[in-house]
C-alpha atoms as a PDB file:
ATOM      1  CA  UNK A   1      96.759  90.876 124.867  1.00  0.00           C
ATOM      2  CA  UNK A   2      97.211  94.492 123.814  1.00  0.00           C
ATOM      3  CA  UNK A   3      99.390  95.173 120.812  1.00  0.00           C
ATOM      4  CA  UNK A   4     102.807  96.827 121.012  1.00  0.00           C
ATOM      5  CA  UNK A   5     105.075  97.898 118.163  1.00  0.00           C
ATOM      6  CA  UNK A   6     108.801  98.168 118.807  1.00  0.00           C
ATOM      7  CA  UNK A   7     110.743 100.071 116.141  1.00  0.00           C
ATOM      8  CA  UNK A   8     114.527  99.947 115.807  1.00  0.00           C
ATOM      9  CA  UNK A   9     116.116 102.631 113.635  1.00  0.00           C
ATOM     10  CA  UNK A  10     119.753 103.123 112.723  1.00  0.00           C
ATOM     11  CA  UNK A  11     121.739 106.205 113.524  1.00  0.00           C
ATOM     12  CA  UNK A  12     121.652 107.643 110.006  1.00  0.00           C
ATOM     13  CA  UNK A  13     117.877 108.049 110.089  1.00  0.00           C
ATOM     14  CA  UNK A  14     117.777 109.849 113.439  1.00  0.00           C
ATOM     15  CA  UNK A  15     120.891 111.976 112.839  1.00  0.00           C
ATOM     16  CA  UNK A  16     119.698 113.924 109.765  1.00  0.00           C
ATOM     17  CA  UNK A  17     117.010 116.566 110.454  1.00  0.00           C
ATOM     18  CA  UNK A  18     114.896 115.726 107.385  1.00  0.00           C
ATOM     19  CA  UNK A  19     114.885 111.950 107.837  1.00  0.00           C
ATOM     20  CA  UNK A  20     114.412 112.321 111.596  1.00  0.00           C
ATOM     21  CA  UNK A  21     111.330 114.496 111.165  1.00  0.00           C
ATOM     22  CA  UNK A  22     109.872 112.074 108.628  1.00  0.00           C
ATOM     23  CA  UNK A  23     110.518 109.127 110.937  1.00  0.00           C
ATOM     24  CA  UNK A  24     108.973 110.836 113.955  1.00  0.00           C
ATOM     25  CA  UNK A  25     105.822 111.772 112.019  1.00  0.00           C
ATOM     26  CA  UNK A  26     105.468 108.157 110.880  1.00  0.00           C
ATOM     27  CA  UNK A  27     106.204 106.773 114.358  1.00  0.00           C
ATOM     28  CA  UNK A  28     103.640 109.121 115.920  1.00  0.00           C
ATOM     29  CA  UNK A  29     100.951 107.624 113.655  1.00  0.00           C
ATOM     30  CA  UNK A  30     101.552 104.039 114.816  1.00  0.00           C
ATOM     31  CA  UNK A  31      98.407 103.047 116.723  1.00  0.00           C
ATOM     32  CA  UNK A  32      98.536 101.672 120.257  1.00  0.00           C
ATOM     33  CA  UNK A  33     101.534 101.056 122.482  1.00  0.00           C
ATOM     34  CA  UNK A  34     105.001 101.599 121.024  1.00  0.00           C
ATOM     35  CA  UNK A  35     108.717 101.757 121.800  1.00  0.00           C
ATOM     36  CA  UNK A  36     111.571 103.291 119.790  1.00  0.00           C
ATOM     37  CA  UNK A  37     115.164 101.994 119.927  1.00  0.00           C
ATOM     38  CA  UNK A  38     117.789 104.147 118.214  1.00  0.00           C
ATOM     39  CA  UNK A  39     121.449 104.166 117.261  1.00  0.00           C
ATOM     40  CA  UNK A  40     123.683 107.181 116.732  1.00  0.00           C
ATOM     41  CA  UNK A  41     127.058 105.913 115.589  1.00  0.00           C
ATOM     42  CA  UNK A  42     127.824 108.538 112.969  1.00  0.00           C
ATOM     43  CA  UNK A  43     127.219 111.354 115.443  1.00  0.00           C
ATOM     44  CA  UNK A  44     129.449 109.616 117.989  1.00  0.00           C
ATOM     45  CA  UNK A  45     132.232 109.297 115.416  1.00  0.00           C
ATOM     46  CA  UNK A  46     131.879 112.981 114.474  1.00  0.00           C
ATOM     47  CA  UNK A  47     131.944 114.230 118.075  1.00  0.00           C
ATOM     48  CA  UNK A  48     134.874 111.948 118.909  1.00  0.00           C
ATOM     49  CA  UNK A  49     136.847 113.402 115.988  1.00  0.00           C
ATOM     50  CA  UNK A  50     136.060 116.943 117.150  1.00  0.00           C
ATOM     51  CA  UNK A  51     137.504 115.975 120.541  1.00  0.00           C
ATOM     52  CA  UNK A  52     140.608 114.500 118.933  1.00  0.00           C
ATOM     53  CA  UNK A  53     139.622 110.857 119.546  1.00  0.00           C
ATOM     54  CA  UNK A  54     140.030 108.225 116.855  1.00  0.00           C
ATOM     55  CA  UNK A  55     137.089 105.840 116.425  1.00  0.00           C
ATOM     56  CA  UNK A  56     138.194 102.220 116.130  1.00  0.00           C
ATOM     57  CA  UNK A  57     135.757  99.746 114.545  1.00  0.00           C
ATOM     58  CA  UNK A  58     136.181  95.963 114.357  1.00  0.00           C
ATOM     59  CA  UNK A  59     133.647  93.948 112.337  1.00  0.00           C
ATOM     60  CA  UNK A  60     131.337  96.963 112.395  1.00  0.00           C
ATOM     61  CA  UNK A  61     131.420  97.238 116.196  1.00  0.00           C
ATOM     62  CA  UNK A  62     132.915 100.202 118.042  1.00  0.00           C
ATOM     63  CA  UNK A  63     135.853  99.562 120.355  1.00  0.00           C
ATOM     64  CA  UNK A  64     134.885 101.572 123.443  1.00  0.00           C
ATOM     65  CA  UNK A  65     137.704 102.720 125.699  1.00  0.00           C
ATOM     66  CA  UNK A  66     137.080 104.977 128.710  1.00  0.00           C
ATOM     67  CA  UNK A  67     137.191 108.223 126.693  1.00  0.00           C
ATOM     68  CA  UNK A  68     135.033 106.829 123.896  1.00  0.00           C
ATOM     69  CA  UNK A  69     132.480 105.701 126.491  1.00  0.00           C
ATOM     70  CA  UNK A  70     132.147 109.314 127.625  1.00  0.00           C
ATOM     71  CA  UNK A  71     131.460 110.350 124.017  1.00  0.00           C
ATOM     72  CA  UNK A  72     128.852 107.676 123.274  1.00  0.00           C
ATOM     73  CA  UNK A  73     127.125 108.404 126.589  1.00  0.00           C
ATOM     74  CA  UNK A  74     126.898 112.099 125.705  1.00  0.00           C
ATOM     75  CA  UNK A  75     125.780 111.441 122.143  1.00  0.00           C
ATOM     76  CA  UNK A  76     123.443 108.450 122.509  1.00  0.00           C
ATOM     77  CA  UNK A  77     121.964 109.243 125.913  1.00  0.00           C
ATOM     78  CA  UNK A  78     121.998 113.013 125.407  1.00  0.00           C
ATOM     79  CA  UNK A  79     122.131 114.610 121.961  1.00  0.00           C
ATOM     80  CA  UNK A  80     120.387 111.941 119.878  1.00  0.00           C
ATOM     81  CA  UNK A  81     117.954 110.780 122.570  1.00  0.00           C
ATOM     82  CA  UNK A  82     116.755 114.227 123.551  1.00  0.00           C
ATOM     83  CA  UNK A  83     116.359 115.421 119.953  1.00  0.00           C
ATOM     84  CA  UNK A  84     114.097 112.413 119.360  1.00  0.00           C
ATOM     85  CA  UNK A  85     112.152 112.997 122.582  1.00  0.00           C
ATOM     86  CA  UNK A  86     111.675 116.710 121.855  1.00  0.00           C
ATOM     87  CA  UNK A  87     110.504 115.905 118.334  1.00  0.00           C
ATOM     88  CA  UNK A  88     108.006 113.328 119.576  1.00  0.00           C
ATOM     89  CA  UNK A  89     106.687 115.665 122.264  1.00  0.00           C
ATOM     90  CA  UNK A  90     106.008 118.233 119.519  1.00  0.00           C
ATOM     91  CA  UNK A  91     103.808 115.563 117.901  1.00  0.00           C
ATOM     92  CA  UNK A  92     101.923 114.895 121.166  1.00  0.00           C
ATOM     93  CA  UNK A  93     103.752 111.612 121.814  1.00  0.00           C
ATOM     94  CA  UNK A  94     104.604 111.338 125.525  1.00  0.00           C
ATOM     95  CA  UNK A  95     108.152 110.049 124.981  1.00  0.00           C
ATOM     96  CA  UNK A  96     110.705 109.281 127.692  1.00  0.00           C
ATOM     97  CA  UNK A  97     114.380 108.951 126.730  1.00  0.00           C
ATOM     98  CA  UNK A  98     116.064 106.127 128.631  1.00  0.00           C
ATOM     99  CA  UNK A  99     119.272 104.131 128.858  1.00  0.00           C
ATOM    100  CA  UNK A 100     119.408 100.651 130.288  1.00  0.00           C
ATOM    101  CA  UNK A 101     120.568 102.113 133.596  1.00  0.00           C
ATOM    102  CA  UNK A 102     117.335 104.069 134.073  1.00  0.00           C
ATOM    103  CA  UNK A 103     115.010 102.071 136.337  1.00  0.00           C
ATOM    104  CA  UNK A 104     117.488  99.183 135.891  1.00  0.00           C
ATOM    105  CA  UNK A 105     115.622  98.189 132.738  1.00  0.00           C
ATOM    106  CA  UNK A 106     118.568  96.621 130.864  1.00  0.00           C
ATOM    107  CA  UNK A 107     121.489  95.048 132.664  1.00  0.00           C
ATOM    108  CA  UNK A 108     124.544  93.762 130.816  1.00  0.00           C
ATOM    109  CA  UNK A 109     127.957  92.337 131.497  1.00  0.00           C
ATOM    110  CA  UNK A 110     131.187  93.601 129.998  1.00  0.00           C
ATOM    111  CA  UNK A 111     132.074  91.586 126.928  1.00  0.00           C
ATOM    112  CA  UNK A 112     134.948  89.189 127.719  1.00  0.00           C
ATOM    113  CA  UNK A 113     138.208  89.660 125.827  1.00  0.00           C
ATOM    114  CA  UNK A 114     138.674  87.020 123.121  1.00  0.00           C
ATOM    115  CA  UNK A 115     140.235  87.843 119.755  1.00  0.00           C
ATOM    116  CA  UNK A 116     139.324  91.507 120.296  1.00  0.00           C
ATOM    117  CA  UNK A 117     139.138  93.676 123.410  1.00  0.00           C
ATOM    118  CA  UNK A 118     136.043  95.786 122.755  1.00  0.00           C
ATOM    119  CA  UNK A 119     136.474  97.681 126.010  1.00  0.00           C
ATOM    120  CA  UNK A 120     133.339  98.977 127.714  1.00  0.00           C
ATOM    121  CA  UNK A 121     130.884  97.062 125.532  1.00  0.00           C
ATOM    122  CA  UNK A 122     127.986  95.210 127.122  1.00  0.00           C
ATOM    123  CA  UNK A 123     126.258  91.929 126.316  1.00  0.00           C
ATOM    124  CA  UNK A 124     122.642  92.030 127.503  1.00  0.00           C
ATOM    125  CA  UNK A 125     121.808  89.661 130.361  1.00  0.00           C
ATOM    126  CA  UNK A 126     118.454  90.901 131.676  1.00  0.00           C
ATOM    127  CA  UNK A 127     115.650  93.200 130.553  1.00  0.00           C
ATOM    128  CA  UNK A 128     113.030  94.321 133.083  1.00  0.00           C
ATOM    129  CA  UNK A 129     109.989  93.812 130.905  1.00  0.00           C
ATOM    130  CA  UNK A 130     107.757  94.335 133.933  1.00  0.00           C
ATOM    131  CA  UNK A 131     109.101  97.856 134.524  1.00  0.00           C
ATOM    132  CA  UNK A 132     108.846  98.775 130.854  1.00  0.00           C
ATOM    133  CA  UNK A 133     105.299  97.378 130.678  1.00  0.00           C
ATOM    134  CA  UNK A 134     104.257  99.434 133.708  1.00  0.00           C
ATOM    135  CA  UNK A 135     105.556 102.618 132.070  1.00  0.00           C
ATOM    136  CA  UNK A 136     103.959 101.797 128.734  1.00  0.00           C
ATOM    137  CA  UNK A 137     100.556 101.113 130.271  1.00  0.00           C
ATOM    138  CA  UNK A 138     100.552 104.593 131.834  1.00  0.00           C
ATOM    139  CA  UNK A 139     100.873 106.130 128.357  1.00  0.00           C
ATOM    140  CA  UNK A 140     104.657 106.589 128.276  1.00  0.00           C
ATOM    141  CA  UNK A 141     106.526 105.848 125.029  1.00  0.00           C
ATOM    142  CA  UNK A 142     110.057 104.662 125.906  1.00  0.00           C
ATOM    143  CA  UNK A 143     112.880 105.818 123.634  1.00  0.00           C
ATOM    144  CA  UNK A 144     115.806 103.491 124.323  1.00  0.00           C
ATOM    145  CA  UNK A 145     119.408 104.567 123.705  1.00  0.00           C
ATOM    146  CA  UNK A 146     122.089 101.904 123.038  1.00  0.00           C
ATOM    147  CA  UNK A 147     123.582 102.122 126.531  1.00  0.00           C
ATOM    148  CA  UNK A 148     123.203  99.644 129.392  1.00  0.00           C
ATOM    149  CA  UNK A 149     124.817  99.075 132.806  1.00  0.00           C
ATOM    150  CA  UNK A 150     126.325  96.244 134.821  1.00  0.00           C
ATOM    151  CA  UNK A 151     124.551  96.913 138.114  1.00  0.00           C
ATOM    152  CA  UNK A 152     127.850  97.969 139.708  1.00  0.00           C
ATOM    153  CA  UNK A 153     127.899 101.546 138.466  1.00  0.00           C
ATOM    154  CA  UNK A 154     129.478 100.924 135.069  1.00  0.00           C
ATOM    155  CA  UNK A 155     127.784 102.105 131.865  1.00  0.00           C
ATOM    156  CA  UNK A 156     128.325  99.947 128.782  1.00  0.00           C
ATOM    157  CA  UNK A 157     128.002 100.671 125.055  1.00  0.00           C
ATOM    158  CA  UNK A 158     125.542  98.103 123.678  1.00  0.00           C
ATOM    159  CA  UNK A 159     124.415  97.166 120.164  1.00  0.00           C
ATOM    160  CA  UNK A 160     121.040  98.748 119.353  1.00  0.00           C
ATOM    161  CA  UNK A 161     119.806  95.719 117.347  1.00  0.00           C
ATOM    162  CA  UNK A 162     120.480  93.549 120.392  1.00  0.00           C
ATOM    163  CA  UNK A 163     118.655  95.956 122.697  1.00  0.00           C
ATOM    164  CA  UNK A 164     115.647  95.957 120.360  1.00  0.00           C
ATOM    165  CA  UNK A 165     115.543  92.166 120.160  1.00  0.00           C
ATOM    166  CA  UNK A 166     115.983  91.594 123.880  1.00  0.00           C
ATOM    167  CA  UNK A 167     113.449  94.286 124.824  1.00  0.00           C
ATOM    168  CA  UNK A 168     110.925  92.783 122.401  1.00  0.00           C
ATOM    169  CA  UNK A 169     111.418  89.335 123.957  1.00  0.00           C
ATOM    170  CA  UNK A 170     110.933  90.693 127.477  1.00  0.00           C
ATOM    171  CA  UNK A 171     107.808  92.652 126.515  1.00  0.00           C
ATOM    172  CA  UNK A 172     106.276  89.632 124.762  1.00  0.00           C
ATOM    173  CA  UNK A 173     105.143  88.402 128.185  1.00  0.00           C
ATOM    174  CA  UNK A 174     102.913  91.466 128.492  1.00  0.00           C
ATOM    175  CA  UNK A 175     101.902  92.435 124.927  1.00  0.00           C
ATOM    176  CA  UNK A 176     101.454  91.057 121.410  1.00  0.00           C
ATOM    177  CA  UNK A 177     104.763  92.443 120.130  1.00  0.00           C
ATOM    178  CA  UNK A 178     105.658  93.320 116.555  1.00  0.00           C
ATOM    179  CA  UNK A 179     109.377  94.081 116.215  1.00  0.00           C
ATOM    180  CA  UNK A 180     110.372  96.232 113.216  1.00  0.00           C
ATOM    181  CA  UNK A 181     114.002  96.556 112.123  1.00  0.00           C
ATOM    182  CA  UNK A 182     114.454  99.532 109.785  1.00  0.00           C
ATOM    183  CA  UNK A 183     117.242  99.281 107.204  1.00  0.00           C
ATOM    184  CA  UNK A 184     118.224 101.060 104.003  1.00  0.00           C
ATOM    185  CA  UNK A 185     116.530  98.426 101.801  1.00  0.00           C
ATOM    186  CA  UNK A 186     112.788  97.777 101.513  1.00  0.00           C
ATOM    187  CA  UNK A 187     113.177  94.294 102.990  1.00  0.00           C
ATOM    188  CA  UNK A 188     115.073  91.054 102.429  1.00  0.00           C
ATOM    189  CA  UNK A 189     115.814  90.861  98.699  1.00  0.00           C
ATOM    190  CA  UNK A 190     115.842  87.824  96.395  1.00  0.00           C
ATOM    191  CA  UNK A 191     118.295  89.751  94.208  1.00  0.00           C
ATOM    192  CA  UNK A 192     120.519  92.229  96.034  1.00  0.00           C
ATOM    193  CA  UNK A 193     120.787  94.287  92.829  1.00  0.00           C
ATOM    194  CA  UNK A 194     117.001  94.597  92.457  1.00  0.00           C
ATOM    195  CA  UNK A 195     115.337  96.719  95.148  1.00  0.00           C
ATOM    196  CA  UNK A 196     111.934  95.510  93.952  1.00  0.00           C
ATOM    197  CA  UNK A 197     112.697  91.833  94.662  1.00  0.00           C
ATOM    198  CA  UNK A 198     111.488  91.971  98.270  1.00  0.00           C
ATOM    199  CA  UNK A 199     110.593  88.596  99.806  1.00  0.00           C
ATOM    200  CA  UNK A 200     107.252  89.313 101.543  1.00  0.00           C
ATOM    201  CA  UNK A 201     107.291  86.471 104.112  1.00  0.00           C
ATOM    202  CA  UNK A 202     110.037  84.154 105.376  1.00  0.00           C
ATOM    203  CA  UNK A 203     109.578  81.206 107.733  1.00  0.00           C
ATOM    204  CA  UNK A 204     112.423  79.151 109.171  1.00  0.00           C
ATOM    205  CA  UNK A 205     112.294  76.420 106.501  1.00  0.00           C
ATOM    206  CA  UNK A 206     112.412  79.022 103.722  1.00  0.00           C
ATOM    207  CA  UNK A 207     115.241  80.867 105.487  1.00  0.00           C
ATOM    208  CA  UNK A 208     117.392  77.753 105.623  1.00  0.00           C
ATOM    209  CA  UNK A 209     116.723  77.131 101.925  1.00  0.00           C
ATOM    210  CA  UNK A 210     117.549  80.738 100.999  1.00  0.00           C
ATOM    211  CA  UNK A 211     120.867  80.448 102.857  1.00  0.00           C
ATOM    212  CA  UNK A 212     121.625  77.149 101.092  1.00  0.00           C
ATOM    213  CA  UNK A 213     120.818  78.718  97.716  1.00  0.00           C
ATOM    214  CA  UNK A 214     122.952  81.797  98.432  1.00  0.00           C
ATOM    215  CA  UNK A 215     119.958  84.162  98.242  1.00  0.00           C
ATOM    216  CA  UNK A 216     120.393  85.208 101.878  1.00  0.00           C
ATOM    217  CA  UNK A 217     124.057  85.763 102.754  1.00  0.00           C
ATOM    218  CA  UNK A 218     126.522  87.944 104.617  1.00  0.00           C
ATOM    219  CA  UNK A 219     125.231  90.242 107.343  1.00  0.00           C
ATOM    220  CA  UNK A 220     121.583  89.382 106.611  1.00  0.00           C
ATOM    221  CA  UNK A 221     122.063  85.861 108.019  1.00  0.00           C
ATOM    222  CA  UNK A 222     122.648  86.941 111.653  1.00  0.00           C
ATOM    223  CA  UNK A 223     119.877  89.550 111.340  1.00  0.00           C
ATOM    224  CA  UNK A 224     117.398  86.854 110.354  1.00  0.00           C
ATOM    225  CA  UNK A 225     118.723  84.425 112.952  1.00  0.00           C
ATOM    226  CA  UNK A 226     118.089  87.104 115.595  1.00  0.00           C
ATOM    227  CA  UNK A 227     114.597  87.581 114.175  1.00  0.00           C
ATOM    228  CA  UNK A 228     113.800  83.866 114.509  1.00  0.00           C
ATOM    229  CA  UNK A 229     115.178  83.855 118.070  1.00  0.00           C
ATOM    230  CA  UNK A 230     112.736  86.656 118.870  1.00  0.00           C
ATOM    231  CA  UNK A 231     109.859  84.693 117.325  1.00  0.00           C
ATOM    232  CA  UNK A 232     110.851  81.592 119.318  1.00  0.00           C
ATOM    233  CA  UNK A 233     110.870  83.706 122.506  1.00  0.00           C
ATOM    234  CA  UNK A 234     107.279  84.825 122.016  1.00  0.00           C
ATOM    235  CA  UNK A 235     107.497  87.909 119.780  1.00  0.00           C
ATOM    236  CA  UNK A 236     104.469  87.686 117.491  1.00  0.00           C
ATOM    237  CA  UNK A 237     106.042  89.069 114.336  1.00  0.00           C
ATOM    238  CA  UNK A 238     109.322  90.565 113.108  1.00  0.00           C
ATOM    239  CA  UNK A 239     109.405  92.901 110.116  1.00  0.00           C
ATOM    240  CA  UNK A 240     112.433  94.109 108.147  1.00  0.00           C
ATOM    241  CA  UNK A 241     111.688  97.216 106.087  1.00  0.00           C
ATOM    242  CA  UNK A 242     112.541 100.864 105.441  1.00  0.00           C
ATOM    243  CA  UNK A 243     111.663 103.517 108.002  1.00  0.00           C
ATOM    244  CA  UNK A 244     109.425 105.235 105.457  1.00  0.00           C
ATOM    245  CA  UNK A 245     107.391 102.027 105.066  1.00  0.00           C
ATOM    246  CA  UNK A 246     106.601 101.341 108.746  1.00  0.00           C
ATOM    247  CA  UNK A 247     102.878 102.011 108.246  1.00  0.00           C
ATOM    248  CA  UNK A 248     102.579 100.058 105.000  1.00  0.00           C
ATOM    249  CA  UNK A 249     102.396  96.329 104.315  1.00  0.00           C
ATOM    250  CA  UNK A 250     105.702  96.362 102.436  1.00  0.00           C
ATOM    251  CA  UNK A 251     108.871  94.761 103.743  1.00  0.00           C
ATOM    252  CA  UNK A 252     109.673  91.229 104.849  1.00  0.00           C
ATOM    253  CA  UNK A 253     107.677  89.554 107.629  1.00  0.00           C
ATOM    254  CA  UNK A 254     109.494  86.887 109.644  1.00  0.00           C
ATOM    255  CA  UNK A 255     107.117  84.225 110.951  1.00  0.00           C
ATOM    256  CA  UNK A 256     107.263  80.703 112.389  1.00  0.00           C
END
């Protein structure tokens, strides 16, 4: 099968002009088929404040009431998405900014209320890998914003890491997919205080041992669990690295 690289970048990288330009130049150099999934949380918080709306976060996730949904739709699907698309077009990358509602590519359901009512937040239920694959094979580079829909006319704020993982799984039926999560560190570290202690490769047995030994802990555990779920679902390889290192062999590769 043809190769496809799916890159997920956090909001900070795509919200600063200098880091955005550097990312786009690197992304444009990735050979073959590719997809970009982006965040934009800091911009959403800033615009919300300018409109007099307080941003409420619980466990790092944004509580999205009706007014906040308007803001994240404007920011993620508009400001951030179109800046990325315009930048990629300037580099001769035929990018198309999309939300999950476009072409019905990502459908979600509103997260049920348990300990927290997150409001208009979506949990992904279906990704139309066939539609995305058709676009990609015509030379289009999808740029996916962290917004989905429920099929009944309701937009939903949706975690960008989840969108990246679910899109990679769906596309694995059509391409050899490498999924790259870009973070502030160079990879998964053996010593969190030593940025040079990157673990180059982790399989499931090693992961379980690292958790037992306390080497992998906190928020990195669910990130790696998501990575192994992607591998189990047919994604060829998952890489955790810095955005500046996408084209290099540095970072941590997650394999079976």
